[in-house]
mmCIF file of all heavy atoms, coordinates in Angstrom:
data_MODEL
# 
_entry.id   MODEL 
# 
loop_
_atom_site.group_PDB 
_atom_site.id 
_atom_site.type_symbol 
_atom_site.label_atom_id 
_atom_site.label_alt_id 
_atom_site.label_comp_id 
_atom_site.label_asym_id 
_atom_site.label_entity_id 
_atom_site.label_seq_id 
_atom_site.pdbx_PDB_ins_code 
_atom_site.Cartn_x 
_atom_site.Cartn_y 
_atom_site.Cartn_z 
_atom_site.occupancy 
_atom_site.B_iso_or_equiv 
_atom_site.pdbx_formal_charge 
_atom_site.auth_seq_id 
_atom_site.auth_comp_id 
_atom_site.auth_asym_id 
_atom_site.auth_atom_id 
_atom_site.pdbx_PDB_model_num 
ATOM 1   N N   . TRP A 1 1  ? 98.027  98.558  63.586 1.00 0.00 ? 1  TRP A N   1 
ATOM 2   C CA  . TRP A 1 1  ? 98.901  97.796  64.483 1.00 0.00 ? 1  TRP A CA  1 
ATOM 3   C C   . TRP A 1 1  ? 99.504  98.684  65.569 1.00 0.00 ? 1  TRP A C   1 
ATOM 4   O O   . TRP A 1 1  ? 99.889  98.191  66.630 1.00 0.00 ? 1  TRP A O   1 
ATOM 5   C CB  . TRP A 1 1  ? 100.009 97.119  63.670 1.00 0.00 ? 1  TRP A CB  1 
ATOM 6   C CG  . TRP A 1 1  ? 99.566  95.822  63.085 1.00 0.00 ? 1  TRP A CG  1 
ATOM 7   C CD1 . TRP A 1 1  ? 98.908  95.618  61.912 1.00 0.00 ? 1  TRP A CD1 1 
ATOM 8   C CD2 . TRP A 1 1  ? 99.740  94.526  63.673 1.00 0.00 ? 1  TRP A CD2 1 
ATOM 9   N NE1 . TRP A 1 1  ? 98.670  94.278  61.724 1.00 0.00 ? 1  TRP A NE1 1 
ATOM 10  C CE2 . TRP A 1 1  ? 99.172  93.582  62.785 1.00 0.00 ? 1  TRP A CE2 1 
ATOM 11  C CE3 . TRP A 1 1  ? 100.336 94.076  64.851 1.00 0.00 ? 1  TRP A CE3 1 
ATOM 12  C CZ2 . TRP A 1 1  ? 99.168  92.223  63.043 1.00 0.00 ? 1  TRP A CZ2 1 
ATOM 13  C CZ3 . TRP A 1 1  ? 100.338 92.713  65.098 1.00 0.00 ? 1  TRP A CZ3 1 
ATOM 14  C CH2 . TRP A 1 1  ? 99.751  91.808  64.214 1.00 0.00 ? 1  TRP A CH2 1 
ATOM 15  N N   . ARG A 1 2  ? 99.591  99.962  65.322 1.00 0.00 ? 2  ARG A N   1 
ATOM 16  C CA  . ARG A 1 2  ? 100.099 100.872 66.353 1.00 0.00 ? 2  ARG A CA  1 
ATOM 17  C C   . ARG A 1 2  ? 99.243  100.772 67.620 1.00 0.00 ? 2  ARG A C   1 
ATOM 18  O O   . ARG A 1 2  ? 99.771  100.660 68.733 1.00 0.00 ? 2  ARG A O   1 
ATOM 19  C CB  . ARG A 1 2  ? 100.099 102.306 65.819 1.00 0.00 ? 2  ARG A CB  1 
ATOM 20  C CG  . ARG A 1 2  ? 100.585 103.330 66.812 1.00 0.00 ? 2  ARG A CG  1 
ATOM 21  C CD  . ARG A 1 2  ? 100.466 104.739 66.262 1.00 0.00 ? 2  ARG A CD  1 
ATOM 22  N NE  . ARG A 1 2  ? 100.907 105.678 67.275 1.00 0.00 ? 2  ARG A NE  1 
ATOM 23  C CZ  . ARG A 1 2  ? 102.164 106.023 67.496 1.00 0.00 ? 2  ARG A CZ  1 
ATOM 24  N NH1 . ARG A 1 2  ? 103.119 105.510 66.752 1.00 0.00 ? 2  ARG A NH1 1 
ATOM 25  N NH2 . ARG A 1 2  ? 102.477 106.879 68.445 1.00 0.00 ? 2  ARG A NH2 1 
ATOM 26  N N   . ASP A 1 3  ? 97.936  100.793 67.447 1.00 0.00 ? 3  ASP A N   1 
ATOM 27  C CA  . ASP A 1 3  ? 97.049  100.652 68.602 1.00 0.00 ? 3  ASP A CA  1 
ATOM 28  C C   . ASP A 1 3  ? 97.125  99.257  69.204 1.00 0.00 ? 3  ASP A C   1 
ATOM 29  O O   . ASP A 1 3  ? 96.985  99.085  70.424 1.00 0.00 ? 3  ASP A O   1 
ATOM 30  C CB  . ASP A 1 3  ? 95.604  100.953 68.187 1.00 0.00 ? 3  ASP A CB  1 
ATOM 31  C CG  . ASP A 1 3  ? 95.310  102.444 68.166 1.00 0.00 ? 3  ASP A CG  1 
ATOM 32  O OD1 . ASP A 1 3  ? 96.268  103.238 68.228 1.00 0.00 ? 3  ASP A OD1 1 
ATOM 33  O OD2 . ASP A 1 3  ? 94.128  102.820 68.074 1.00 0.00 ? 3  ASP A OD2 1 
ATOM 34  N N   . HIS A 1 4  ? 97.340  98.266  68.363 1.00 0.00 ? 4  HIS A N   1 
ATOM 35  C CA  . HIS A 1 4  ? 97.476  96.887  68.851 1.00 0.00 ? 4  HIS A CA  1 
ATOM 36  C C   . HIS A 1 4  ? 98.601  96.790  69.883 1.00 0.00 ? 4  HIS A C   1 
ATOM 37  O O   . HIS A 1 4  ? 98.434  96.199  70.952 1.00 0.00 ? 4  HIS A O   1 
ATOM 38  C CB  . HIS A 1 4  ? 97.754  95.950  67.673 1.00 0.00 ? 4  HIS A CB  1 
ATOM 39  C CG  . HIS A 1 4  ? 98.274  94.603  68.038 1.00 0.00 ? 4  HIS A CG  1 
ATOM 40  N ND1 . HIS A 1 4  ? 97.450  93.564  68.416 1.00 0.00 ? 4  HIS A ND1 1 
ATOM 41  C CD2 . HIS A 1 4  ? 99.541  94.116  68.095 1.00 0.00 ? 4  HIS A CD2 1 
ATOM 42  C CE1 . HIS A 1 4  ? 98.189  92.488  68.682 1.00 0.00 ? 4  HIS A CE1 1 
ATOM 43  N NE2 . HIS A 1 4  ? 99.452  92.804  68.492 1.00 0.00 ? 4  HIS A NE2 1 
ATOM 44  N N   . PHE A 1 5  ? 99.743  97.380  69.588 1.00 0.00 ? 5  PHE A N   1 
ATOM 45  C CA  . PHE A 1 5  ? 100.874 97.301  70.507 1.00 0.00 ? 5  PHE A CA  1 
ATOM 46  C C   . PHE A 1 5  ? 100.706 98.219  71.708 1.00 0.00 ? 5  PHE A C   1 
ATOM 47  O O   . PHE A 1 5  ? 101.089 97.864  72.829 1.00 0.00 ? 5  PHE A O   1 
ATOM 48  C CB  . PHE A 1 5  ? 102.177 97.614  69.762 1.00 0.00 ? 5  PHE A CB  1 
ATOM 49  C CG  . PHE A 1 5  ? 102.600 96.505  68.846 1.00 0.00 ? 5  PHE A CG  1 
ATOM 50  C CD1 . PHE A 1 5  ? 102.579 96.678  67.479 1.00 0.00 ? 5  PHE A CD1 1 
ATOM 51  C CD2 . PHE A 1 5  ? 102.992 95.284  69.352 1.00 0.00 ? 5  PHE A CD2 1 
ATOM 52  C CE1 . PHE A 1 5  ? 102.941 95.651  66.625 1.00 0.00 ? 5  PHE A CE1 1 
ATOM 53  C CE2 . PHE A 1 5  ? 103.364 94.247  68.508 1.00 0.00 ? 5  PHE A CE2 1 
ATOM 54  C CZ  . PHE A 1 5  ? 103.337 94.428  67.138 1.00 0.00 ? 5  PHE A CZ  1 
ATOM 55  N N   . THR A 1 6  ? 100.128 99.389  71.494 1.00 0.00 ? 6  THR A N   1 
ATOM 56  C CA  . THR A 1 6  ? 99.903  100.293 72.620 1.00 0.00 ? 6  THR A CA  1 
ATOM 57  C C   . THR A 1 6  ? 98.935  99.674  73.617 1.00 0.00 ? 6  THR A C   1 
ATOM 58  O O   . THR A 1 6  ? 99.089  99.825  74.831 1.00 0.00 ? 6  THR A O   1 
ATOM 59  C CB  . THR A 1 6  ? 99.368  101.644 72.117 1.00 0.00 ? 6  THR A CB  1 
ATOM 60  O OG1 . THR A 1 6  ? 100.281 102.185 71.160 1.00 0.00 ? 6  THR A OG1 1 
ATOM 61  C CG2 . THR A 1 6  ? 99.212  102.628 73.264 1.00 0.00 ? 6  THR A CG2 1 
ATOM 62  N N   . GLN A 1 7  ? 97.928  98.963  73.102 1.00 0.00 ? 7  GLN A N   1 
ATOM 63  C CA  . GLN A 1 7  ? 96.976  98.291  73.988 1.00 0.00 ? 7  GLN A CA  1 
ATOM 64  C C   . GLN A 1 7  ? 97.671  97.264  74.872 1.00 0.00 ? 7  GLN A C   1 
ATOM 65  O O   . GLN A 1 7  ? 97.289  97.040  76.020 1.00 0.00 ? 7  GLN A O   1 
ATOM 66  C CB  . GLN A 1 7  ? 95.889  97.605  73.165 1.00 0.00 ? 7  GLN A CB  1 
ATOM 67  C CG  . GLN A 1 7  ? 94.801  96.942  73.999 1.00 0.00 ? 7  GLN A CG  1 
ATOM 68  C CD  . GLN A 1 7  ? 93.953  97.947  74.753 1.00 0.00 ? 7  GLN A CD  1 
ATOM 69  O OE1 . GLN A 1 7  ? 93.258  98.753  74.149 1.00 0.00 ? 7  GLN A OE1 1 
ATOM 70  N NE2 . GLN A 1 7  ? 94.012  97.922  76.074 1.00 0.00 ? 7  GLN A NE2 1 
ATOM 71  N N   . ARG A 1 8  ? 98.706  96.651  74.358 1.00 0.00 ? 8  ARG A N   1 
ATOM 72  C CA  . ARG A 1 8  ? 99.434  95.648  75.130 1.00 0.00 ? 8  ARG A CA  1 
ATOM 73  C C   . ARG A 1 8  ? 100.058 96.267  76.385 1.00 0.00 ? 8  ARG A C   1 
ATOM 74  O O   . ARG A 1 8  ? 99.997  95.694  77.467 1.00 0.00 ? 8  ARG A O   1 
ATOM 75  C CB  . ARG A 1 8  ? 100.517 94.998  74.252 1.00 0.00 ? 8  ARG A CB  1 
ATOM 76  C CG  . ARG A 1 8  ? 101.128 93.751  74.823 1.00 0.00 ? 8  ARG A CG  1 
ATOM 77  C CD  . ARG A 1 8  ? 102.165 93.165  73.871 1.00 0.00 ? 8  ARG A CD  1 
ATOM 78  N NE  . ARG A 1 8  ? 101.552 92.562  72.703 1.00 0.00 ? 8  ARG A NE  1 
ATOM 79  C CZ  . ARG A 1 8  ? 102.250 92.036  71.689 1.00 0.00 ? 8  ARG A CZ  1 
ATOM 80  N NH1 . ARG A 1 8  ? 103.579 92.092  71.706 1.00 0.00 ? 8  ARG A NH1 1 
ATOM 81  N NH2 . ARG A 1 8  ? 101.627 91.490  70.660 1.00 0.00 ? 8  ARG A NH2 1 
ATOM 82  N N   . LEU A 1 9  ? 100.651 97.456  76.254 1.00 0.00 ? 9  LEU A N   1 
ATOM 83  C CA  . LEU A 1 9  ? 101.222 98.125  77.417 1.00 0.00 ? 9  LEU A CA  1 
ATOM 84  C C   . LEU A 1 9  ? 100.129 98.590  78.362 1.00 0.00 ? 9  LEU A C   1 
ATOM 85  O O   . LEU A 1 9  ? 100.274 98.485  79.587 1.00 0.00 ? 9  LEU A O   1 
ATOM 86  C CB  . LEU A 1 9  ? 102.077 99.319  76.990 1.00 0.00 ? 9  LEU A CB  1 
ATOM 87  C CG  . LEU A 1 9  ? 102.688 100.144 78.123 1.00 0.00 ? 9  LEU A CG  1 
ATOM 88  C CD1 . LEU A 1 9  ? 103.617 99.300  78.988 1.00 0.00 ? 9  LEU A CD1 1 
ATOM 89  C CD2 . LEU A 1 9  ? 103.438 101.360 77.582 1.00 0.00 ? 9  LEU A CD2 1 
ATOM 90  N N   . GLU A 1 10 ? 99.027  99.092  77.818 1.00 0.00 ? 10 GLU A N   1 
ATOM 91  C CA  . GLU A 1 10 ? 97.915  99.525  78.658 1.00 0.00 ? 10 GLU A CA  1 
ATOM 92  C C   . GLU A 1 10 ? 97.348  98.352  79.453 1.00 0.00 ? 10 GLU A C   1 
ATOM 93  O O   . GLU A 1 10 ? 96.976  98.503  80.623 1.00 0.00 ? 10 GLU A O   1 
ATOM 94  C CB  . GLU A 1 10 ? 96.818  100.140 77.790 1.00 0.00 ? 10 GLU A CB  1 
ATOM 95  C CG  . GLU A 1 10 ? 95.562  100.554 78.537 1.00 0.00 ? 10 GLU A CG  1 
ATOM 96  C CD  . GLU A 1 10 ? 95.805  101.624 79.578 1.00 0.00 ? 10 GLU A CD  1 
ATOM 97  O OE1 . GLU A 1 10 ? 96.627  102.530 79.339 1.00 0.00 ? 10 GLU A OE1 1 
ATOM 98  O OE2 . GLU A 1 10 ? 95.155  101.570 80.645 1.00 0.00 ? 10 GLU A OE2 1 
ATOM 99  N N   . SER A 1 11 ? 97.302  97.186  78.840 1.00 0.00 ? 11 SER A N   1 
ATOM 100 C CA  . SER A 1 11 ? 96.756  96.009  79.508 1.00 0.00 ? 11 SER A CA  1 
ATOM 101 C C   . SER A 1 11 ? 97.724  95.403  80.505 1.00 0.00 ? 11 SER A C   1 
ATOM 102 O O   . SER A 1 11 ? 97.298  94.749  81.471 1.00 0.00 ? 11 SER A O   1 
ATOM 103 C CB  . SER A 1 11 ? 96.368  94.949  78.466 1.00 0.00 ? 11 SER A CB  1 
ATOM 104 O OG  . SER A 1 11 ? 95.401  95.442  77.562 1.00 0.00 ? 11 SER A OG  1 
ATOM 105 N N   . GLU A 1 12 ? 99.014  95.589  80.283 1.00 0.00 ? 12 GLU A N   1 
ATOM 106 C CA  . GLU A 1 12 ? 100.015 95.020  81.188 1.00 0.00 ? 12 GLU A CA  1 
ATOM 107 C C   . GLU A 1 12 ? 101.183 95.991  81.374 1.00 0.00 ? 12 GLU A C   1 
ATOM 108 O O   . GLU A 1 12 ? 102.231 95.852  80.738 1.00 0.00 ? 12 GLU A O   1 
ATOM 109 C CB  . GLU A 1 12 ? 100.526 93.674  80.661 1.00 0.00 ? 12 GLU A CB  1 
ATOM 110 C CG  . GLU A 1 12 ? 101.389 92.939  81.660 1.00 0.00 ? 12 GLU A CG  1 
ATOM 111 C CD  . GLU A 1 12 ? 101.527 91.461  81.347 1.00 0.00 ? 12 GLU A CD  1 
ATOM 112 O OE1 . GLU A 1 12 ? 100.742 90.939  80.549 1.00 0.00 ? 12 GLU A OE1 1 
ATOM 113 O OE2 . GLU A 1 12 ? 102.417 90.824  81.922 1.00 0.00 ? 12 GLU A OE2 1 
ATOM 114 N N   . PRO A 1 13 ? 101.020 96.999  82.234 1.00 0.00 ? 13 PRO A N   1 
ATOM 115 C CA  . PRO A 1 13 ? 102.065 98.010  82.431 1.00 0.00 ? 13 PRO A CA  1 
ATOM 116 C C   . PRO A 1 13 ? 103.396 97.436  82.894 1.00 0.00 ? 13 PRO A C   1 
ATOM 117 O O   . PRO A 1 13 ? 104.434 98.065  82.693 1.00 0.00 ? 13 PRO A O   1 
ATOM 118 C CB  . PRO A 1 13 ? 101.456 98.933  83.500 1.00 0.00 ? 13 PRO A CB  1 
ATOM 119 C CG  . PRO A 1 13 ? 99.982  98.723  83.405 1.00 0.00 ? 13 PRO A CG  1 
ATOM 120 C CD  . PRO A 1 13 ? 99.805  97.288  83.021 1.00 0.00 ? 13 PRO A CD  1 
ATOM 121 N N   . GLU A 1 14 ? 103.389 96.242  83.497 1.00 0.00 ? 14 GLU A N   1 
ATOM 122 C CA  . GLU A 1 14 ? 104.623 95.653  84.001 1.00 0.00 ? 14 GLU A CA  1 
ATOM 123 C C   . GLU A 1 14 ? 105.614 95.298  82.900 1.00 0.00 ? 14 GLU A C   1 
ATOM 124 O O   . GLU A 1 14 ? 106.777 95.038  83.189 1.00 0.00 ? 14 GLU A O   1 
ATOM 125 C CB  . GLU A 1 14 ? 104.301 94.404  84.828 1.00 0.00 ? 14 GLU A CB  1 
ATOM 126 C CG  . GLU A 1 14 ? 103.784 94.699  86.229 1.00 0.00 ? 14 GLU A CG  1 
ATOM 127 C CD  . GLU A 1 14 ? 104.796 95.459  87.073 1.00 0.00 ? 14 GLU A CD  1 
ATOM 128 O OE1 . GLU A 1 14 ? 105.947 94.997  87.156 1.00 0.00 ? 14 GLU A OE1 1 
ATOM 129 O OE2 . GLU A 1 14 ? 104.452 96.511  87.618 1.00 0.00 ? 14 GLU A OE2 1 
ATOM 130 N N   . LEU A 1 15 ? 105.165 95.283  81.634 1.00 0.00 ? 15 LEU A N   1 
ATOM 131 C CA  . LEU A 1 15 ? 106.120 94.914  80.585 1.00 0.00 ? 15 LEU A CA  1 
ATOM 132 C C   . LEU A 1 15 ? 107.201 95.978  80.398 1.00 0.00 ? 15 LEU A C   1 
ATOM 133 O O   . LEU A 1 15 ? 108.164 95.775  79.668 1.00 0.00 ? 15 LEU A O   1 
ATOM 134 C CB  . LEU A 1 15 ? 105.410 94.599  79.275 1.00 0.00 ? 15 LEU A CB  1 
ATOM 135 C CG  . LEU A 1 15 ? 104.691 95.669  78.458 1.00 0.00 ? 15 LEU A CG  1 
ATOM 136 C CD1 . LEU A 1 15 ? 105.643 96.495  77.621 1.00 0.00 ? 15 LEU A CD1 1 
ATOM 137 C CD2 . LEU A 1 15 ? 103.671 95.009  77.552 1.00 0.00 ? 15 LEU A CD2 1 
ATOM 138 N N   . GLU A 1 16 ? 107.064 97.121  81.080 1.00 0.00 ? 16 GLU A N   1 
ATOM 139 C CA  . GLU A 1 16 ? 108.154 98.097  81.108 1.00 0.00 ? 16 GLU A CA  1 
ATOM 140 C C   . GLU A 1 16 ? 109.360 97.540  81.851 1.00 0.00 ? 16 GLU A C   1 
ATOM 141 O O   . GLU A 1 16 ? 110.503 97.908  81.568 1.00 0.00 ? 16 GLU A O   1 
ATOM 142 C CB  . GLU A 1 16 ? 107.685 99.391  81.773 1.00 0.00 ? 16 GLU A CB  1 
ATOM 143 C CG  . GLU A 1 16 ? 108.764 100.460 81.877 1.00 0.00 ? 16 GLU A CG  1 
ATOM 144 C CD  . GLU A 1 16 ? 108.279 101.729 82.554 1.00 0.00 ? 16 GLU A CD  1 
ATOM 145 O OE1 . GLU A 1 16 ? 107.049 101.872 82.791 1.00 0.00 ? 16 GLU A OE1 1 
ATOM 146 O OE2 . GLU A 1 16 ? 109.126 102.597 82.846 1.00 0.00 ? 16 GLU A OE2 1 
ATOM 147 N N   . PHE A 1 17 ? 109.109 96.645  82.784 1.00 0.00 ? 17 PHE A N   1 
ATOM 148 C CA  . PHE A 1 17 ? 110.169 96.172  83.678 1.00 0.00 ? 17 PHE A CA  1 
ATOM 149 C C   . PHE A 1 17 ? 110.528 94.709  83.497 1.00 0.00 ? 17 PHE A C   1 
ATOM 150 O O   . PHE A 1 17 ? 111.573 94.267  83.958 1.00 0.00 ? 17 PHE A O   1 
ATOM 151 C CB  . PHE A 1 17 ? 109.736 96.391  85.133 1.00 0.00 ? 17 PHE A CB  1 
ATOM 152 C CG  . PHE A 1 17 ? 109.285 97.784  85.424 1.00 0.00 ? 17 PHE A CG  1 
ATOM 153 C CD1 . PHE A 1 17 ? 107.940 98.071  85.620 1.00 0.00 ? 17 PHE A CD1 1 
ATOM 154 C CD2 . PHE A 1 17 ? 110.200 98.830  85.470 1.00 0.00 ? 17 PHE A CD2 1 
ATOM 155 C CE1 . PHE A 1 17 ? 107.518 99.369  85.877 1.00 0.00 ? 17 PHE A CE1 1 
ATOM 156 C CE2 . PHE A 1 17 ? 109.789 100.126 85.721 1.00 0.00 ? 17 PHE A CE2 1 
ATOM 157 C CZ  . PHE A 1 17 ? 108.443 100.395 85.929 1.00 0.00 ? 17 PHE A CZ  1 
ATOM 158 N N   . ARG A 1 18 ? 109.684 93.941  82.830 1.00 0.00 ? 18 ARG A N   1 
ATOM 159 C CA  . ARG A 1 18 ? 109.972 92.511  82.679 1.00 0.00 ? 18 ARG A CA  1 
ATOM 160 C C   . ARG A 1 18 ? 109.375 92.013  81.377 1.00 0.00 ? 18 ARG A C   1 
ATOM 161 O O   . ARG A 1 18 ? 108.451 92.609  80.825 1.00 0.00 ? 18 ARG A O   1 
ATOM 162 C CB  . ARG A 1 18 ? 109.397 91.727  83.854 1.00 0.00 ? 18 ARG A CB  1 
ATOM 163 C CG  . ARG A 1 18 ? 107.877 91.769  83.944 1.00 0.00 ? 18 ARG A CG  1 
ATOM 164 C CD  . ARG A 1 18 ? 107.364 91.081  85.186 1.00 0.00 ? 18 ARG A CD  1 
ATOM 165 N NE  . ARG A 1 18 ? 105.891 90.958  85.150 1.00 0.00 ? 18 ARG A NE  1 
ATOM 166 C CZ  . ARG A 1 18 ? 105.163 90.471  86.151 1.00 0.00 ? 18 ARG A CZ  1 
ATOM 167 N NH1 . ARG A 1 18 ? 105.774 90.089  87.269 1.00 0.00 ? 18 ARG A NH1 1 
ATOM 168 N NH2 . ARG A 1 18 ? 103.855 90.378  86.037 1.00 0.00 ? 18 ARG A NH2 1 
ATOM 169 N N   . SER A 1 19 ? 109.904 90.903  80.909 1.00 0.00 ? 19 SER A N   1 
ATOM 170 C CA  . SER A 1 19 ? 109.410 90.309  79.680 1.00 0.00 ? 19 SER A CA  1 
ATOM 171 C C   . SER A 1 19 ? 107.934 89.969  79.811 1.00 0.00 ? 19 SER A C   1 
ATOM 172 O O   . SER A 1 19 ? 107.473 89.512  80.859 1.00 0.00 ? 19 SER A O   1 
ATOM 173 C CB  . SER A 1 19 ? 110.207 89.043  79.355 1.00 0.00 ? 19 SER A CB  1 
ATOM 174 O OG  . SER A 1 19 ? 109.567 88.300  78.344 1.00 0.00 ? 19 SER A OG  1 
ATOM 175 N N   . ILE A 1 20 ? 107.205 90.180  78.736 1.00 0.00 ? 20 ILE A N   1 
ATOM 176 C CA  . ILE A 1 20 ? 105.792 89.839  78.729 1.00 0.00 ? 20 ILE A CA  1 
ATOM 177 C C   . ILE A 1 20 ? 105.594 88.333  78.896 1.00 0.00 ? 20 ILE A C   1 
ATOM 178 O O   . ILE A 1 20 ? 104.557 87.879  79.352 1.00 0.00 ? 20 ILE A O   1 
ATOM 179 C CB  . ILE A 1 20 ? 105.156 90.342  77.408 1.00 0.00 ? 20 ILE A CB  1 
ATOM 180 C CG1 . ILE A 1 20 ? 103.641 90.362  77.496 1.00 0.00 ? 20 ILE A CG1 1 
ATOM 181 C CG2 . ILE A 1 20 ? 105.618 89.524  76.219 1.00 0.00 ? 20 ILE A CG2 1 
ATOM 182 C CD1 . ILE A 1 20 ? 102.973 91.029  76.299 1.00 0.00 ? 20 ILE A CD1 1 
ATOM 183 N N   . HIS A 1 21 ? 106.612 87.562  78.529 1.00 0.00 ? 21 HIS A N   1 
ATOM 184 C CA  . HIS A 1 21 ? 106.574 86.101  78.646 1.00 0.00 ? 21 HIS A CA  1 
ATOM 185 C C   . HIS A 1 21 ? 107.409 85.687  79.860 1.00 0.00 ? 21 HIS A C   1 
ATOM 186 O O   . HIS A 1 21 ? 108.597 85.974  79.932 1.00 0.00 ? 21 HIS A O   1 
ATOM 187 C CB  . HIS A 1 21 ? 107.149 85.460  77.381 1.00 0.00 ? 21 HIS A CB  1 
ATOM 188 C CG  . HIS A 1 21 ? 106.874 84.004  77.240 1.00 0.00 ? 21 HIS A CG  1 
ATOM 189 N ND1 . HIS A 1 21 ? 107.355 83.069  78.133 1.00 0.00 ? 21 HIS A ND1 1 
ATOM 190 C CD2 . HIS A 1 21 ? 106.171 83.303  76.306 1.00 0.00 ? 21 HIS A CD2 1 
ATOM 191 C CE1 . HIS A 1 21 ? 106.962 81.863  77.751 1.00 0.00 ? 21 HIS A CE1 1 
ATOM 192 N NE2 . HIS A 1 21 ? 106.237 81.983  76.648 1.00 0.00 ? 21 HIS A NE2 1 
ATOM 193 N N   . PRO A 1 22 ? 106.808 85.007  80.849 1.00 0.00 ? 22 PRO A N   1 
ATOM 194 C CA  . PRO A 1 22 ? 107.529 84.706  82.092 1.00 0.00 ? 22 PRO A CA  1 
ATOM 195 C C   . PRO A 1 22 ? 108.766 83.826  81.918 1.00 0.00 ? 22 PRO A C   1 
ATOM 196 O O   . PRO A 1 22 ? 109.702 83.928  82.715 1.00 0.00 ? 22 PRO A O   1 
ATOM 197 C CB  . PRO A 1 22 ? 106.473 83.995  82.948 1.00 0.00 ? 22 PRO A CB  1 
ATOM 198 C CG  . PRO A 1 22 ? 105.456 83.495  81.979 1.00 0.00 ? 22 PRO A CG  1 
ATOM 199 C CD  . PRO A 1 22 ? 105.427 84.499  80.880 1.00 0.00 ? 22 PRO A CD  1 
ATOM 200 N N   . SER A 1 23 ? 108.811 83.007  80.887 1.00 0.00 ? 23 SER A N   1 
ATOM 201 C CA  . SER A 1 23 ? 109.954 82.095  80.724 1.00 0.00 ? 23 SER A CA  1 
ATOM 202 C C   . SER A 1 23 ? 111.216 82.808  80.270 1.00 0.00 ? 23 SER A C   1 
ATOM 203 O O   . SER A 1 23 ? 112.313 82.236  80.344 1.00 0.00 ? 23 SER A O   1 
ATOM 204 C CB  . SER A 1 23 ? 109.603 80.986  79.725 1.00 0.00 ? 23 SER A CB  1 
ATOM 205 O OG  . SER A 1 23 ? 108.539 80.193  80.197 1.00 0.00 ? 23 SER A OG  1 
ATOM 206 N N   . TYR A 1 24 ? 111.090 84.069  79.799 1.00 0.00 ? 24 TYR A N   1 
ATOM 207 C CA  . TYR A 1 24 ? 112.259 84.789  79.276 1.00 0.00 ? 24 TYR A CA  1 
ATOM 208 C C   . TYR A 1 24 ? 112.719 85.906  80.206 1.00 0.00 ? 24 TYR A C   1 
ATOM 209 O O   . TYR A 1 24 ? 113.377 86.843  79.772 1.00 0.00 ? 24 TYR A O   1 
ATOM 210 C CB  . TYR A 1 24 ? 111.927 85.375  77.902 1.00 0.00 ? 24 TYR A CB  1 
ATOM 211 C CG  . TYR A 1 24 ? 111.684 84.338  76.837 1.00 0.00 ? 24 TYR A CG  1 
ATOM 212 C CD1 . TYR A 1 24 ? 110.418 83.807  76.649 1.00 0.00 ? 24 TYR A CD1 1 
ATOM 213 C CD2 . TYR A 1 24 ? 112.710 83.884  76.015 1.00 0.00 ? 24 TYR A CD2 1 
ATOM 214 C CE1 . TYR A 1 24 ? 110.172 82.846  75.674 1.00 0.00 ? 24 TYR A CE1 1 
ATOM 215 C CE2 . TYR A 1 24 ? 112.486 82.934  75.037 1.00 0.00 ? 24 TYR A CE2 1 
ATOM 216 C CZ  . TYR A 1 24 ? 111.213 82.413  74.876 1.00 0.00 ? 24 TYR A CZ  1 
ATOM 217 O OH  . TYR A 1 24 ? 110.977 81.471  73.909 1.00 0.00 ? 24 TYR A OH  1 
ATOM 218 N N   . ARG A 1 25 ? 112.379 85.806  81.465 1.00 0.00 ? 25 ARG A N   1 
ATOM 219 C CA  . ARG A 1 25 ? 112.730 86.885  82.402 1.00 0.00 ? 25 ARG A CA  1 
ATOM 220 C C   . ARG A 1 25 ? 114.110 86.723  83.021 1.00 0.00 ? 25 ARG A C   1 
ATOM 221 O O   . ARG A 1 25 ? 114.551 87.602  83.765 1.00 0.00 ? 25 ARG A O   1 
ATOM 222 C CB  . ARG A 1 25 ? 111.650 86.992  83.489 1.00 0.00 ? 25 ARG A CB  1 
ATOM 223 C CG  . ARG A 1 25 ? 110.339 87.525  82.919 1.00 0.00 ? 25 ARG A CG  1 
ATOM 224 C CD  . ARG A 1 25 ? 109.192 87.505  83.878 1.00 0.00 ? 25 ARG A CD  1 
ATOM 225 N NE  . ARG A 1 25 ? 107.959 87.932  83.205 1.00 0.00 ? 25 ARG A NE  1 
ATOM 226 C CZ  . ARG A 1 25 ? 106.738 87.789  83.688 1.00 0.00 ? 25 ARG A CZ  1 
ATOM 227 N NH1 . ARG A 1 25 ? 106.569 87.223  84.889 1.00 0.00 ? 25 ARG A NH1 1 
ATOM 228 N NH2 . ARG A 1 25 ? 105.691 88.193  83.009 1.00 0.00 ? 25 ARG A NH2 1 
ATOM 229 N N   . ASP A 1 26 ? 114.775 85.620  82.732 1.00 0.00 ? 26 ASP A N   1 
ATOM 230 C CA  . ASP A 1 26 ? 116.114 85.398  83.289 1.00 0.00 ? 26 ASP A CA  1 
ATOM 231 C C   . ASP A 1 26 ? 117.108 85.005  82.212 1.00 0.00 ? 26 ASP A C   1 
ATOM 232 O O   . ASP A 1 26 ? 117.979 84.160  82.429 1.00 0.00 ? 26 ASP A O   1 
ATOM 233 C CB  . ASP A 1 26 ? 116.057 84.306  84.374 1.00 0.00 ? 26 ASP A CB  1 
ATOM 234 C CG  . ASP A 1 26 ? 115.199 84.713  85.564 1.00 0.00 ? 26 ASP A CG  1 
ATOM 235 O OD1 . ASP A 1 26 ? 115.430 85.814  86.091 1.00 0.00 ? 26 ASP A OD1 1 
ATOM 236 O OD2 . ASP A 1 26 ? 114.299 83.942  85.944 1.00 0.00 ? 26 ASP A OD2 1 
ATOM 237 N N   . VAL A 1 27 ? 117.018 85.623  81.044 1.00 0.00 ? 27 VAL A N   1 
ATOM 238 C CA  . VAL A 1 27 ? 117.991 85.374  79.979 1.00 0.00 ? 27 VAL A CA  1 
ATOM 239 C C   . VAL A 1 27 ? 119.370 85.835  80.467 1.00 0.00 ? 27 VAL A C   1 
ATOM 240 O O   . VAL A 1 27 ? 119.488 86.942  81.016 1.00 0.00 ? 27 VAL A O   1 
ATOM 241 C CB  . VAL A 1 27 ? 117.588 86.122  78.690 1.00 0.00 ? 27 VAL A CB  1 
ATOM 242 C CG1 . VAL A 1 27 ? 118.649 85.945  77.606 1.00 0.00 ? 27 VAL A CG1 1 
ATOM 243 C CG2 . VAL A 1 27 ? 116.235 85.627  78.201 1.00 0.00 ? 27 VAL A CG2 1 
ATOM 244 N N   . PRO A 1 28 ? 120.404 85.029  80.300 1.00 0.00 ? 28 PRO A N   1 
ATOM 245 C CA  . PRO A 1 28 ? 121.727 85.374  80.869 1.00 0.00 ? 28 PRO A CA  1 
ATOM 246 C C   . PRO A 1 28 ? 122.494 86.415  80.051 1.00 0.00 ? 28 PRO A C   1 
ATOM 247 O O   . PRO A 1 28 ? 123.514 86.136  79.418 1.00 0.00 ? 28 PRO A O   1 
ATOM 248 C CB  . PRO A 1 28 ? 122.458 84.020  80.855 1.00 0.00 ? 28 PRO A CB  1 
ATOM 249 C CG  . PRO A 1 28 ? 121.854 83.280  79.705 1.00 0.00 ? 28 PRO A CG  1 
ATOM 250 C CD  . PRO A 1 28 ? 120.401 83.678  79.676 1.00 0.00 ? 28 PRO A CD  1 
# 
């Protein structure tokens, strides 16, 4: 599972700055 999660960042580097799910990017 370690590689499973690391692959997620490699596939979408923007998750460093925003939620991977677009609906949760403006939680108050």
